């Protein structure tokens, strides 16, 4: 789709910040994470049964009638088999919802953004649009993740190492925006990039 731009990265690199900036400029977006959260909550009872054999620490997977994503994360990031089971269960459902929303936004003939953390890992959206990578070094994303989610180093590394290496993603992306200093600098970079992107897309149209 000519108006579709996928936004991806590693963890704690600034994907959500980029999307918020784009939204504040009047551009629409789709969030794979939000869709995933809705699916997790919709299938909460089924997921508890699926992951009960992996829940050796007897973690509480339900909080206020919704999936406790932090506790589920402890299970899947400690067990590759559990992680694959979750991905096999949720990814096809997420893809259907994303494609439905993409088809609607494509009709507007204006750039829109799809935030997908596992864009390269899943391979499910290849050739559907251009890819924007928000780049932060592994060392800095580790530090940010520990601070943001109150994780120890071991827990944070499990989450980062479960993803494709950020340096490999650089070579696969169509565009790269670095985010290694202040939010203000990243915001200026993002606005400049989006303005240029919008102008070029309008010229093509």
Foldseek 3Di string as FASTA:
>chain_A
DEQEEEEEEAAQLQSVVLQVLCVVVPAAEAELVVVLQVVCLVCVVVVCVVCVVQPPVPDDQDDPSGGPVVSLLVRCLVDVVSVVVSCVVRVVVSVVVVVVVVVVVVVVLFHHYYYDHQCVVVVPCPPVYAYEYRDDAPVVSLVSCCVVVVDDSVSSVSRRVVHDHRVVVVVVHPHYQYDYDDPVVSSVSSVVVSVVVRVVSVVVD
